[in-house]
Amino acid sequence: MALELEQRQLKQVVDLVAEKKGREVVLLNLKGISMVTDYFLIATGNSTTQVKAIVDHLEEKLGTIGIPILRVEGLPDAQWVLMDCGDLVVHVMTPDQRDFYNLERLWGDAEVMAF
């Protein structure tokens, strides 16, 4: 497993999404709930173009804050893009996908982290 993420790094990821106008950004703490990852970051882009812009920005910047990207799924369609960063999984979705899959409800036992 990768080195544990610091609160500072998690805040930076939230800020990177906000830089590209990602909406409804939620960070869930899945420690003790999921064996796959420690955190989910869920964000909405208004369109597939915006989802792609957010993901492109993250691909460019995450390495500079010490967060490796292991794989990216969901491109070029960009309705729902999943970025696997080991201890962090980023989900960037269009509004329809976000409403339909409702990951916050699915992971309702997770603590919502505030920054």
PDB file of N, CA and C in Angstrom:
ATOM      1  N   MET A   1       0.845  -1.186   0.000  1.00  0.00           N
ATOM      2  CA  MET A   1       0.000   0.000   0.000  1.00  0.00           C
ATOM      3  C   MET A   1       0.885   1.242   0.000  1.00  0.00           C
ATOM      4  N   ALA A   2       0.421   2.283  -0.650  1.00  0.00           N
ATOM      5  CA  ALA A   2       1.170   3.527  -0.759  1.00  0.00           C
ATOM      6  C   ALA A   2       1.281   4.189   0.611  1.00  0.00           C
ATOM      7  N   LEU A   3       2.180   5.154   0.703  1.00  0.00           N
ATOM      8  CA  LEU A   3       2.295   5.918   1.930  1.00  0.00           C
ATOM      9  C   LEU A   3       0.975   6.600   2.232  1.00  0.00           C
ATOM     10  N   GLU A   4       0.653   6.690   3.507  1.00  0.00           N
ATOM     11  CA  GLU A   4      -0.618   7.299   3.890  1.00  0.00           C
ATOM     12  C   GLU A   4      -0.653   8.771   3.487  1.00  0.00           C
ATOM     13  N   LEU A   5      -1.765   9.168   2.930  1.00  0.00           N
ATOM     14  CA  LEU A   5      -1.935  10.553   2.499  1.00  0.00           C
ATOM     15  C   LEU A   5      -2.046  11.467   3.707  1.00  0.00           C
ATOM     16  N   GLU A   6      -1.509  12.655   3.563  1.00  0.00           N
ATOM     17  CA  GLU A   6      -1.598  13.665   4.610  1.00  0.00           C
ATOM     18  C   GLU A   6      -2.828  14.534   4.373  1.00  0.00           C
ATOM     19  N   GLN A   7      -3.345  15.112   5.439  1.00  0.00           N
ATOM     20  CA  GLN A   7      -4.489  16.023   5.325  1.00  0.00           C
ATOM     21  C   GLN A   7      -4.204  17.155   4.337  1.00  0.00           C
ATOM     22  N   ARG A   8      -2.973  17.635   4.343  1.00  0.00           N
ATOM     23  CA  ARG A   8      -2.564  18.711   3.438  1.00  0.00           C
ATOM     24  C   ARG A   8      -2.743  18.289   1.986  1.00  0.00           C
ATOM     25  N   GLN A   9      -2.347  17.060   1.674  1.00  0.00           N
ATOM     26  CA  GLN A   9      -2.479  16.571   0.302  1.00  0.00           C
ATOM     27  C   GLN A   9      -3.948  16.441  -0.097  1.00  0.00           C
ATOM     28  N   LEU A  10      -4.768  15.942   0.802  1.00  0.00           N
ATOM     29  CA  LEU A  10      -6.187  15.805   0.515  1.00  0.00           C
ATOM     30  C   LEU A  10      -6.816  17.171   0.251  1.00  0.00           C
ATOM     31  N   LYS A  11      -6.453  18.153   1.055  1.00  0.00           N
ATOM     32  CA  LYS A  11      -6.949  19.522   0.851  1.00  0.00           C
ATOM     33  C   LYS A  11      -6.496  20.048  -0.503  1.00  0.00           C
ATOM     34  N   GLN A  12      -5.271  19.755  -0.897  1.00  0.00           N
ATOM     35  CA  GLN A  12      -4.766  20.215  -2.188  1.00  0.00           C
ATOM     36  C   GLN A  12      -5.559  19.598  -3.341  1.00  0.00           C
ATOM     37  N   VAL A  13      -5.939  18.343  -3.225  1.00  0.00           N
ATOM     38  CA  VAL A  13      -6.732  17.700  -4.273  1.00  0.00           C
ATOM     39  C   VAL A  13      -8.102  18.378  -4.371  1.00  0.00           C
ATOM     40  N   VAL A  14      -8.719  18.644  -3.233  1.00  0.00           N
ATOM     41  CA  VAL A  14     -10.003  19.354  -3.217  1.00  0.00           C
ATOM     42  C   VAL A  14      -9.843  20.712  -3.907  1.00  0.00           C
ATOM     43  N   ASP A  15      -8.766  21.419  -3.598  1.00  0.00           N
ATOM     44  CA  ASP A  15      -8.513  22.730  -4.200  1.00  0.00           C
ATOM     45  C   ASP A  15      -8.276  22.627  -5.705  1.00  0.00           C
ATOM     46  N   LEU A  16      -7.586  21.580  -6.152  1.00  0.00           N
ATOM     47  CA  LEU A  16      -7.342  21.398  -7.593  1.00  0.00           C
ATOM     48  C   LEU A  16      -8.651  21.206  -8.342  1.00  0.00           C
ATOM     49  N   VAL A  17      -9.568  20.446  -7.757  1.00  0.00           N
ATOM     50  CA  VAL A  17     -10.879  20.257  -8.384  1.00  0.00           C
ATOM     51  C   VAL A  17     -11.623  21.591  -8.433  1.00  0.00           C
ATOM     52  N   ALA A  18     -11.555  22.353  -7.357  1.00  0.00           N
ATOM     53  CA  ALA A  18     -12.230  23.650  -7.303  1.00  0.00           C
ATOM     54  C   ALA A  18     -11.648  24.629  -8.328  1.00  0.00           C
ATOM     55  N   GLU A  19     -10.360  24.520  -8.613  1.00  0.00           N
ATOM     56  CA  GLU A  19      -9.733  25.406  -9.606  1.00  0.00           C
ATOM     57  C   GLU A  19     -10.385  25.271 -10.980  1.00  0.00           C
ATOM     58  N   LYS A  20     -10.911  24.105 -11.276  1.00  0.00           N
ATOM     59  CA  LYS A  20     -11.583  23.872 -12.560  1.00  0.00           C
ATOM     60  C   LYS A  20     -13.101  23.878 -12.405  1.00  0.00           C
ATOM     61  N   LYS A  21     -13.559  24.486 -11.308  1.00  0.00           N
ATOM     62  CA  LYS A  21     -14.993  24.702 -11.052  1.00  0.00           C
ATOM     63  C   LYS A  21     -15.788  23.416 -10.850  1.00  0.00           C
ATOM     64  N   GLY A  22     -15.126  22.383 -10.307  1.00  0.00           N
ATOM     65  CA  GLY A  22     -15.854  21.181  -9.931  1.00  0.00           C
ATOM     66  C   GLY A  22     -16.870  21.537  -8.850  1.00  0.00           C
ATOM     67  N   ARG A  23     -18.049  20.948  -8.915  1.00  0.00           N
ATOM     68  CA  ARG A  23     -19.119  21.244  -7.965  1.00  0.00           C
ATOM     69  C   ARG A  23     -19.349  20.067  -7.029  1.00  0.00           C
ATOM     70  N   GLU A  24     -20.031  20.361  -5.929  1.00  0.00           N
ATOM     71  CA  GLU A  24     -20.454  19.338  -4.977  1.00  0.00           C
ATOM     72  C   GLU A  24     -19.309  18.383  -4.620  1.00  0.00           C
ATOM     73  N   VAL A  25     -18.175  18.954  -4.294  1.00  0.00           N
ATOM     74  CA  VAL A  25     -16.997  18.144  -3.969  1.00  0.00           C
ATOM     75  C   VAL A  25     -17.165  17.563  -2.569  1.00  0.00           C
ATOM     76  N   VAL A  26     -17.071  16.233  -2.495  1.00  0.00           N
ATOM     77  CA  VAL A  26     -17.222  15.520  -1.224  1.00  0.00           C
ATOM     78  C   VAL A  26     -16.022  14.591  -1.064  1.00  0.00           C
ATOM     79  N   LEU A  27     -15.424  14.621   0.106  1.00  0.00           N
ATOM     80  CA  LEU A  27     -14.328  13.716   0.423  1.00  0.00           C
ATOM     81  C   LEU A  27     -14.793  12.783   1.527  1.00  0.00           C
ATOM     82  N   LEU A  28     -14.811  11.479   1.225  1.00  0.00           N
ATOM     83  CA  LEU A  28     -15.250  10.467   2.184  1.00  0.00           C
ATOM     84  C   LEU A  28     -14.055   9.726   2.745  1.00  0.00           C
ATOM     85  N   ASN A  29     -14.031   9.557   4.058  1.00  0.00           N
ATOM     86  CA  ASN A  29     -13.011   8.777   4.738  1.00  0.00           C
ATOM     87  C   ASN A  29     -13.523   7.340   4.830  1.00  0.00           C
ATOM     88  N   LEU A  30     -12.882   6.442   4.095  1.00  0.00           N
ATOM     89  CA  LEU A  30     -13.312   5.044   4.049  1.00  0.00           C
ATOM     90  C   LEU A  30     -12.435   4.122   4.894  1.00  0.00           C
ATOM     91  N   LYS A  31     -11.556   4.697   5.702  1.00  0.00           N
ATOM     92  CA  LYS A  31     -10.702   3.862   6.549  1.00  0.00           C
ATOM     93  C   LYS A  31     -11.574   3.009   7.459  1.00  0.00           C
ATOM     94  N   GLY A  32     -11.289   1.718   7.491  1.00  0.00           N
ATOM     95  CA  GLY A  32     -12.050   0.802   8.307  1.00  0.00           C
ATOM     96  C   GLY A  32     -13.352   0.341   7.669  1.00  0.00           C
ATOM     97  N   ILE A  33     -13.704   0.910   6.519  1.00  0.00           N
ATOM     98  CA  ILE A  33     -14.928   0.539   5.809  1.00  0.00           C
ATOM     99  C   ILE A  33     -14.602  -0.203   4.521  1.00  0.00           C
ATOM    100  N   SER A  34     -13.581   0.273   3.820  1.00  0.00           N
ATOM    101  CA  SER A  34     -13.185  -0.309   2.542  1.00  0.00           C
ATOM    102  C   SER A  34     -11.795  -0.920   2.653  1.00  0.00           C
ATOM    103  N   MET A  35     -11.636  -2.081   2.059  1.00  0.00           N
ATOM    104  CA  MET A  35     -10.309  -2.701   2.022  1.00  0.00           C
ATOM    105  C   MET A  35      -9.540  -2.261   0.783  1.00  0.00           C
ATOM    106  N   VAL A  36     -10.194  -1.515  -0.099  1.00  0.00           N
ATOM    107  CA  VAL A  36      -9.598  -1.141  -1.377  1.00  0.00           C
ATOM    108  C   VAL A  36      -8.878   0.196  -1.312  1.00  0.00           C
ATOM    109  N   THR A  37      -9.445   1.161  -0.608  1.00  0.00           N
ATOM    110  CA  THR A  37      -8.875   2.508  -0.569  1.00  0.00           C
ATOM    111  C   THR A  37      -9.240   3.177   0.747  1.00  0.00           C
ATOM    112  N   ASP A  38      -8.562   4.277   1.061  1.00  0.00           N
ATOM    113  CA  ASP A  38      -8.842   5.012   2.289  1.00  0.00           C
ATOM    114  C   ASP A  38      -9.803   6.182   2.077  1.00  0.00           C
ATOM    115  N   TYR A  39      -9.788   6.770   0.876  1.00  0.00           N
ATOM    116  CA  TYR A  39     -10.592   7.963   0.615  1.00  0.00           C
ATOM    117  C   TYR A  39     -11.229   7.913  -0.764  1.00  0.00           C
ATOM    118  N   PHE A  40     -12.439   8.441  -0.842  1.00  0.00           N
ATOM    119  CA  PHE A  40     -13.111   8.731  -2.114  1.00  0.00           C
ATOM    120  C   PHE A  40     -13.275  10.242  -2.192  1.00  0.00           C
ATOM    121  N   LEU A  41     -12.884  10.820  -3.291  1.00  0.00           N
ATOM    122  CA  LEU A  41     -13.240  12.194  -3.588  1.00  0.00           C
ATOM    123  C   LEU A  41     -14.242  12.130  -4.730  1.00  0.00           C
ATOM    124  N   ILE A  42     -15.403  12.737  -4.538  1.00  0.00           N
ATOM    125  CA  ILE A  42     -16.466  12.714  -5.531  1.00  0.00           C
ATOM    126  C   ILE A  42     -16.749  14.157  -5.924  1.00  0.00           C
ATOM    127  N   ALA A  43     -16.795  14.419  -7.238  1.00  0.00           N
ATOM    128  CA  ALA A  43     -17.060  15.772  -7.719  1.00  0.00           C
ATOM    129  C   ALA A  43     -17.911  15.706  -8.974  1.00  0.00           C
ATOM    130  N   THR A  44     -18.604  16.804  -9.237  1.00  0.00           N
ATOM    131  CA  THR A  44     -19.456  16.909 -10.409  1.00  0.00           C
ATOM    132  C   THR A  44     -18.899  17.965 -11.348  1.00  0.00           C
ATOM    133  N   GLY A  45     -18.890  17.617 -12.645  1.00  0.00           N
ATOM    134  CA  GLY A  45     -18.618  18.588 -13.699  1.00  0.00           C
ATOM    135  C   GLY A  45     -19.914  18.810 -14.451  1.00  0.00           C
ATOM    136  N   ASN A  46     -20.165  20.032 -14.890  1.00  0.00           N
ATOM    137  CA  ASN A  46     -21.431  20.361 -15.548  1.00  0.00           C
ATOM    138  C   ASN A  46     -21.641  19.635 -16.867  1.00  0.00           C
ATOM    139  N   SER A  47     -20.562  19.208 -17.497  1.00  0.00           N
ATOM    140  CA  SER A  47     -20.626  18.565 -18.816  1.00  0.00           C
ATOM    141  C   SER A  47     -19.443  17.610 -18.953  1.00  0.00           C
ATOM    142  N   THR A  48     -19.468  16.802 -20.000  1.00  0.00           N
ATOM    143  CA  THR A  48     -18.328  15.906 -20.234  1.00  0.00           C
ATOM    144  C   THR A  48     -17.062  16.714 -20.506  1.00  0.00           C
ATOM    145  N   THR A  49     -17.209  17.869 -21.125  1.00  0.00           N
ATOM    146  CA  THR A  49     -16.048  18.734 -21.378  1.00  0.00           C
ATOM    147  C   THR A  49     -15.436  19.193 -20.062  1.00  0.00           C
ATOM    148  N   GLN A  50     -16.270  19.588 -19.110  1.00  0.00           N
ATOM    149  CA  GLN A  50     -15.750  20.024 -17.818  1.00  0.00           C
ATOM    150  C   GLN A  50     -15.174  18.854 -17.030  1.00  0.00           C
ATOM    151  N   VAL A  51     -15.829  17.701 -17.073  1.00  0.00           N
ATOM    152  CA  VAL A  51     -15.279  16.509 -16.408  1.00  0.00           C
ATOM    153  C   VAL A  51     -13.867  16.252 -16.938  1.00  0.00           C
ATOM    154  N   LYS A  52     -13.709  16.283 -18.249  1.00  0.00           N
ATOM    155  CA  LYS A  52     -12.402  16.049 -18.866  1.00  0.00           C
ATOM    156  C   LYS A  52     -11.401  17.110 -18.424  1.00  0.00           C
ATOM    157  N   ALA A  53     -11.813  18.374 -18.349  1.00  0.00           N
ATOM    158  CA  ALA A  53     -10.914  19.455 -17.924  1.00  0.00           C
ATOM    159  C   ALA A  53     -10.442  19.246 -16.482  1.00  0.00           C
ATOM    160  N   ILE A  54     -11.338  18.819 -15.613  1.00  0.00           N
ATOM    161  CA  ILE A  54     -10.968  18.551 -14.216  1.00  0.00           C
ATOM    162  C   ILE A  54      -9.964  17.407 -14.167  1.00  0.00           C
ATOM    163  N   VAL A  55     -10.245  16.339 -14.891  1.00  0.00           N
ATOM    164  CA  VAL A  55      -9.362  15.165 -14.902  1.00  0.00           C
ATOM    165  C   VAL A  55      -7.998  15.523 -15.496  1.00  0.00           C
ATOM    166  N   ASP A  56      -7.979  16.271 -16.588  1.00  0.00           N
ATOM    167  CA  ASP A  56      -6.709  16.699 -17.192  1.00  0.00           C
ATOM    168  C   ASP A  56      -5.877  17.497 -16.190  1.00  0.00           C
ATOM    169  N   HIS A  57      -6.542  18.395 -15.466  1.00  0.00           N
ATOM    170  CA  HIS A  57      -5.855  19.219 -14.463  1.00  0.00           C
ATOM    171  C   HIS A  57      -5.269  18.339 -13.353  1.00  0.00           C
ATOM    172  N   LEU A  58      -6.049  17.375 -12.892  1.00  0.00           N
ATOM    173  CA  LEU A  58      -5.558  16.464 -11.860  1.00  0.00           C
ATOM    174  C   LEU A  58      -4.391  15.626 -12.377  1.00  0.00           C
ATOM    175  N   GLU A  59      -4.493  15.145 -13.610  1.00  0.00           N
ATOM    176  CA  GLU A  59      -3.398  14.357 -14.181  1.00  0.00           C
ATOM    177  C   GLU A  59      -2.111  15.169 -14.240  1.00  0.00           C
ATOM    178  N   GLU A  60      -2.237  16.443 -14.505  1.00  0.00           N
ATOM    179  CA  GLU A  60      -1.070  17.327 -14.585  1.00  0.00           C
ATOM    180  C   GLU A  60      -0.475  17.647 -13.215  1.00  0.00           C
ATOM    181  N   LYS A  61      -1.327  17.773 -12.198  1.00  0.00           N
ATOM    182  CA  LYS A  61      -0.882  18.320 -10.906  1.00  0.00           C
ATOM    183  C   LYS A  61      -0.678  17.312  -9.774  1.00  0.00           C
ATOM    184  N   LEU A  62      -1.357  16.172  -9.797  1.00  0.00           N
ATOM    185  CA  LEU A  62      -1.276  15.265  -8.642  1.00  0.00           C
ATOM    186  C   LEU A  62       0.144  14.808  -8.338  1.00  0.00           C
ATOM    187  N   GLY A  63       0.915  14.513  -9.357  1.00  0.00           N
ATOM    188  CA  GLY A  63       2.299  14.087  -9.135  1.00  0.00           C
ATOM    189  C   GLY A  63       3.125  15.126  -8.414  1.00  0.00           C
ATOM    190  N   THR A  64       2.833  16.396  -8.647  1.00  0.00           N
ATOM    191  CA  THR A  64       3.606  17.474  -8.022  1.00  0.00           C
ATOM    192  C   THR A  64       3.332  17.590  -6.529  1.00  0.00           C
ATOM    193  N   ILE A  65       2.206  17.007  -6.057  1.00  0.00           N
ATOM    194  CA  ILE A  65       1.920  17.027  -4.618  1.00  0.00           C
ATOM    195  C   ILE A  65       2.117  15.646  -3.996  1.00  0.00           C
ATOM    196  N   GLY A  66       2.775  14.761  -4.739  1.00  0.00           N
ATOM    197  CA  GLY A  66       3.148  13.460  -4.189  1.00  0.00           C
ATOM    198  C   GLY A  66       2.078  12.397  -4.245  1.00  0.00           C
ATOM    199  N   ILE A  67       1.097  12.567  -5.124  1.00  0.00           N
ATOM    200  CA  ILE A  67       0.039  11.566  -5.256  1.00  0.00           C
ATOM    201  C   ILE A  67       0.153  10.923  -6.633  1.00  0.00           C
ATOM    202  N   PRO A  68       0.533   9.650  -6.676  1.00  0.00           N
ATOM    203  CA  PRO A  68       0.668   8.973  -7.971  1.00  0.00           C
ATOM    204  C   PRO A  68      -0.696   8.572  -8.535  1.00  0.00           C
ATOM    205  N   ILE A  69      -0.804   8.584  -9.841  1.00  0.00           N
ATOM    206  CA  ILE A  69      -2.009   8.089 -10.501  1.00  0.00           C
ATOM    207  C   ILE A  69      -1.682   6.696 -11.033  1.00  0.00           C
ATOM    208  N   LEU A  70      -2.379   5.699 -10.532  1.00  0.00           N
ATOM    209  CA  LEU A  70      -2.127   4.326 -10.936  1.00  0.00           C
ATOM    210  C   LEU A  70      -2.854   3.977 -12.225  1.00  0.00           C
ATOM    211  N   ARG A  71      -4.081   4.483 -12.364  1.00  0.00           N
ATOM    212  CA  ARG A  71      -4.816   4.289 -13.616  1.00  0.00           C
ATOM    213  C   ARG A  71      -6.010   5.232 -13.658  1.00  0.00           C
ATOM    214  N   VAL A  72      -6.473   5.455 -14.889  1.00  0.00           N
ATOM    215  CA  VAL A  72      -7.636   6.313 -15.128  1.00  0.00           C
ATOM    216  C   VAL A  72      -8.602   5.533 -16.005  1.00  0.00           C
ATOM    217  N   GLU A  73      -9.872   5.519 -15.617  1.00  0.00           N
ATOM    218  CA  GLU A  73     -10.903   4.829 -16.395  1.00  0.00           C
ATOM    219  C   GLU A  73     -12.045   5.801 -16.680  1.00  0.00           C
ATOM    220  N   GLY A  74     -12.683   5.620 -17.845  1.00  0.00           N
ATOM    221  CA  GLY A  74     -13.848   6.418 -18.176  1.00  0.00           C
ATOM    222  C   GLY A  74     -13.636   7.439 -19.278  1.00  0.00           C
ATOM    223  N   LEU A  75     -12.432   7.484 -19.809  1.00  0.00           N
ATOM    224  CA  LEU A  75     -12.147   8.388 -20.929  1.00  0.00           C
ATOM    225  C   LEU A  75     -12.180   7.569 -22.204  1.00  0.00           C
ATOM    226  N   PRO A  76     -12.533   8.103 -23.336  1.00  0.00           N
ATOM    227  CA  PRO A  76     -12.840   9.513 -23.621  1.00  0.00           C
ATOM    228  C   PRO A  76     -14.291   9.897 -23.360  1.00  0.00           C
ATOM    229  N   ASP A  77     -15.152   8.944 -22.981  1.00  0.00           N
ATOM    230  CA  ASP A  77     -16.578   9.230 -22.784  1.00  0.00           C
ATOM    231  C   ASP A  77     -16.804  10.354 -21.766  1.00  0.00           C
ATOM    232  N   ALA A  78     -16.087  10.301 -20.658  1.00  0.00           N
ATOM    233  CA  ALA A  78     -16.088  11.349 -19.617  1.00  0.00           C
ATOM    234  C   ALA A  78     -17.450  11.609 -18.976  1.00  0.00           C
ATOM    235  N   GLN A  79     -18.294  10.575 -18.911  1.00  0.00           N
ATOM    236  CA  GLN A  79     -19.527  10.688 -18.125  1.00  0.00           C
ATOM    237  C   GLN A  79     -19.206  10.482 -16.641  1.00  0.00           C
ATOM    238  N   TRP A  80     -18.308   9.518 -16.396  1.00  0.00           N
ATOM    239  CA  TRP A  80     -17.831   9.207 -15.050  1.00  0.00           C
ATOM    240  C   TRP A  80     -16.388   8.761 -15.215  1.00  0.00           C
ATOM    241  N   VAL A  81     -15.479   9.563 -14.702  1.00  0.00           N
ATOM    242  CA  VAL A  81     -14.062   9.220 -14.772  1.00  0.00           C
ATOM    243  C   VAL A  81     -13.599   8.851 -13.374  1.00  0.00           C
ATOM    244  N   LEU A  82     -12.942   7.713 -13.282  1.00  0.00           N
ATOM    245  CA  LEU A  82     -12.384   7.219 -12.029  1.00  0.00           C
ATOM    246  C   LEU A  82     -10.874   7.292 -12.131  1.00  0.00           C
ATOM    247  N   MET A  83     -10.251   7.928 -11.152  1.00  0.00           N
ATOM    248  CA  MET A  83      -8.795   8.009 -11.074  1.00  0.00           C
ATOM    249  C   MET A  83      -8.350   7.234  -9.833  1.00  0.00           C
ATOM    250  N   ASP A  84      -7.633   6.155 -10.053  1.00  0.00           N
ATOM    251  CA  ASP A  84      -7.140   5.335  -8.951  1.00  0.00           C
ATOM    252  C   ASP A  84      -5.758   5.850  -8.553  1.00  0.00           C
ATOM    253  N   CYS A  85      -5.694   6.381  -7.345  1.00  0.00           N
ATOM    254  CA  CYS A  85      -4.434   6.907  -6.815  1.00  0.00           C
ATOM    255  C   CYS A  85      -4.012   6.113  -5.575  1.00  0.00           C
ATOM    256  N   GLY A  86      -4.395   4.859  -5.519  1.00  0.00           N
ATOM    257  CA  GLY A  86      -4.026   4.014  -4.383  1.00  0.00           C
ATOM    258  C   GLY A  86      -4.910   4.287  -3.185  1.00  0.00           C
ATOM    259  N   ASP A  87      -4.407   5.061  -2.242  1.00  0.00           N
ATOM    260  CA  ASP A  87      -5.158   5.375  -1.028  1.00  0.00           C
ATOM    261  C   ASP A  87      -6.299   6.360  -1.281  1.00  0.00           C
ATOM    262  N   LEU A  88      -6.329   6.943  -2.465  1.00  0.00           N
ATOM    263  CA  LEU A  88      -7.373   7.892  -2.856  1.00  0.00           C
ATOM    264  C   LEU A  88      -7.931   7.478  -4.202  1.00  0.00           C
ATOM    265  N   VAL A  89      -9.254   7.425  -4.304  1.00  0.00           N
ATOM    266  CA  VAL A  89      -9.910   7.211  -5.588  1.00  0.00           C
ATOM    267  C   VAL A  89     -10.766   8.443  -5.858  1.00  0.00           C
ATOM    268  N   VAL A  90     -10.535   9.057  -7.017  1.00  0.00           N
ATOM    269  CA  VAL A  90     -11.254  10.269  -7.411  1.00  0.00           C
ATOM    270  C   VAL A  90     -12.316   9.878  -8.434  1.00  0.00           C
ATOM    271  N   HIS A  91     -13.544  10.332  -8.186  1.00  0.00           N
ATOM    272  CA  HIS A  91     -14.662  10.125  -9.099  1.00  0.00           C
ATOM    273  C   HIS A  91     -15.113  11.504  -9.578  1.00  0.00           C
ATOM    274  N   VAL A  92     -15.037  11.756 -10.879  1.00  0.00           N
ATOM    275  CA  VAL A  92     -15.540  13.002 -11.445  1.00  0.00           C
ATOM    276  C   VAL A  92     -16.652  12.610 -12.409  1.00  0.00           C
ATOM    277  N   MET A  93     -17.851  13.160 -12.182  1.00  0.00           N
ATOM    278  CA  MET A  93     -19.041  12.691 -12.886  1.00  0.00           C
ATOM    279  C   MET A  93     -19.871  13.848 -13.422  1.00  0.00           C
ATOM    280  N   THR A  94     -20.647  13.537 -14.461  1.00  0.00           N
ATOM    281  CA  THR A  94     -21.660  14.476 -14.909  1.00  0.00           C
ATOM    282  C   THR A  94     -22.820  14.430 -13.903  1.00  0.00           C
ATOM    283  N   PRO A  95     -23.683  15.452 -13.886  1.00  0.00           N
ATOM    284  CA  PRO A  95     -24.793  15.455 -12.918  1.00  0.00           C
ATOM    285  C   PRO A  95     -25.689  14.217 -13.010  1.00  0.00           C
ATOM    286  N   ASP A  96     -25.999  13.761 -14.221  1.00  0.00           N
ATOM    287  CA  ASP A  96     -26.856  12.579 -14.365  1.00  0.00           C
ATOM    288  C   ASP A  96     -26.230  11.342 -13.749  1.00  0.00           C
ATOM    289  N   GLN A  97     -24.944  11.128 -13.983  1.00  0.00           N
ATOM    290  CA  GLN A  97     -24.245   9.973 -13.420  1.00  0.00           C
ATOM    291  C   GLN A  97     -24.171  10.071 -11.906  1.00  0.00           C
ATOM    292  N   ARG A  98     -23.892  11.269 -11.403  1.00  0.00           N
ATOM    293  CA  ARG A  98     -23.788  11.476  -9.956  1.00  0.00           C
ATOM    294  C   ARG A  98     -25.119  11.168  -9.282  1.00  0.00           C
ATOM    295  N   ASP A  99     -26.208  11.669  -9.868  1.00  0.00           N
ATOM    296  CA  ASP A  99     -27.531  11.416  -9.288  1.00  0.00           C
ATOM    297  C   ASP A  99     -27.899   9.939  -9.351  1.00  0.00           C
ATOM    298  N   PHE A 100     -27.603   9.292 -10.474  1.00  0.00           N
ATOM    299  CA  PHE A 100     -27.982   7.896 -10.663  1.00  0.00           C
ATOM    300  C   PHE A 100     -27.230   6.967  -9.711  1.00  0.00           C
ATOM    301  N   TYR A 101     -25.904   7.133  -9.609  1.00  0.00           N
ATOM    302  CA  TYR A 101     -25.110   6.202  -8.807  1.00  0.00           C
ATOM    303  C   TYR A 101     -25.052   6.565  -7.328  1.00  0.00           C
ATOM    304  N   ASN A 102     -25.208   7.823  -6.994  1.00  0.00           N
ATOM    305  CA  ASN A 102     -25.330   8.280  -5.610  1.00  0.00           C
ATOM    306  C   ASN A 102     -24.339   7.581  -4.667  1.00  0.00           C
ATOM    307  N   LEU A 103     -23.061   7.753  -4.942  1.00  0.00           N
ATOM    308  CA  LEU A 103     -22.013   7.086  -4.155  1.00  0.00           C
ATOM    309  C   LEU A 103     -22.042   7.473  -2.681  1.00  0.00           C
ATOM    310  N   GLU A 104     -22.472   8.683  -2.394  1.00  0.00           N
ATOM    311  CA  GLU A 104     -22.536   9.100  -0.994  1.00  0.00           C
ATOM    312  C   GLU A 104     -23.517   8.226  -0.208  1.00  0.00           C
ATOM    313  N   ARG A 105     -24.627   7.857  -0.837  1.00  0.00           N
ATOM    314  CA  ARG A 105     -25.594   6.984  -0.168  1.00  0.00           C
ATOM    315  C   ARG A 105     -25.033   5.567  -0.039  1.00  0.00           C
ATOM    316  N   LEU A 106     -24.401   5.109  -1.120  1.00  0.00           N
ATOM    317  CA  LEU A 106     -23.821   3.770  -1.118  1.00  0.00           C
ATOM    318  C   LEU A 106     -22.779   3.619  -0.011  1.00  0.00           C
ATOM    319  N   TRP A 107     -21.988   4.645   0.210  1.00  0.00           N
ATOM    320  CA  TRP A 107     -20.963   4.643   1.253  1.00  0.00           C
ATOM    321  C   TRP A 107     -21.407   5.503   2.440  1.00  0.00           C
ATOM    322  N   GLY A 108     -22.675   5.382   2.804  1.00  0.00           N
ATOM    323  CA  GLY A 108     -23.273   6.211   3.850  1.00  0.00           C
ATOM    324  C   GLY A 108     -22.632   6.101   5.222  1.00  0.00           C
ATOM    325  N   ASP A 109     -21.909   5.015   5.475  1.00  0.00           N
ATOM    326  CA  ASP A 109     -21.234   4.858   6.772  1.00  0.00           C
ATOM    327  C   ASP A 109     -19.936   5.637   6.856  1.00  0.00           C
ATOM    328  N   ALA A 110     -19.479   6.181   5.724  1.00  0.00           N
ATOM    329  CA  ALA A 110     -18.199   6.895   5.689  1.00  0.00           C
ATOM    330  C   ALA A 110     -18.342   8.302   6.270  1.00  0.00           C
ATOM    331  N   GLU A 111     -17.280   8.731   6.929  1.00  0.00           N
ATOM    332  CA  GLU A 111     -17.220  10.105   7.441  1.00  0.00           C
ATOM    333  C   GLU A 111     -16.994  11.060   6.277  1.00  0.00           C
ATOM    334  N   VAL A 112     -17.792  12.121   6.210  1.00  0.00           N
ATOM    335  CA  VAL A 112     -17.576  13.176   5.227  1.00  0.00           C
ATOM    336  C   VAL A 112     -16.570  14.147   5.837  1.00  0.00           C
ATOM    337  N   MET A 113     -15.465  14.316   5.150  1.00  0.00           N
ATOM    338  CA  MET A 113     -14.400  15.186   5.663  1.00  0.00           C
ATOM    339  C   MET A 113     -14.638  16.619   5.194  1.00  0.00           C
ATOM    340  N   ALA A 114     -14.396  17.566   6.082  1.00  0.00           N
ATOM    341  CA  ALA A 114     -14.576  18.983   5.756  1.00  0.00           C
ATOM    342  C   ALA A 114     -13.237  19.693   5.707  1.00  0.00           C
ATOM    343  N   PHE A 115     -13.133  20.608   4.779  1.00  0.00           N
ATOM    344  CA  PHE A 115     -11.914  21.433   4.671  1.00  0.00           C
ATOM    345  C   PHE A 115     -12.288  22.887   4.617  1.00  0.00           C
TER     346      PHE A 115
END
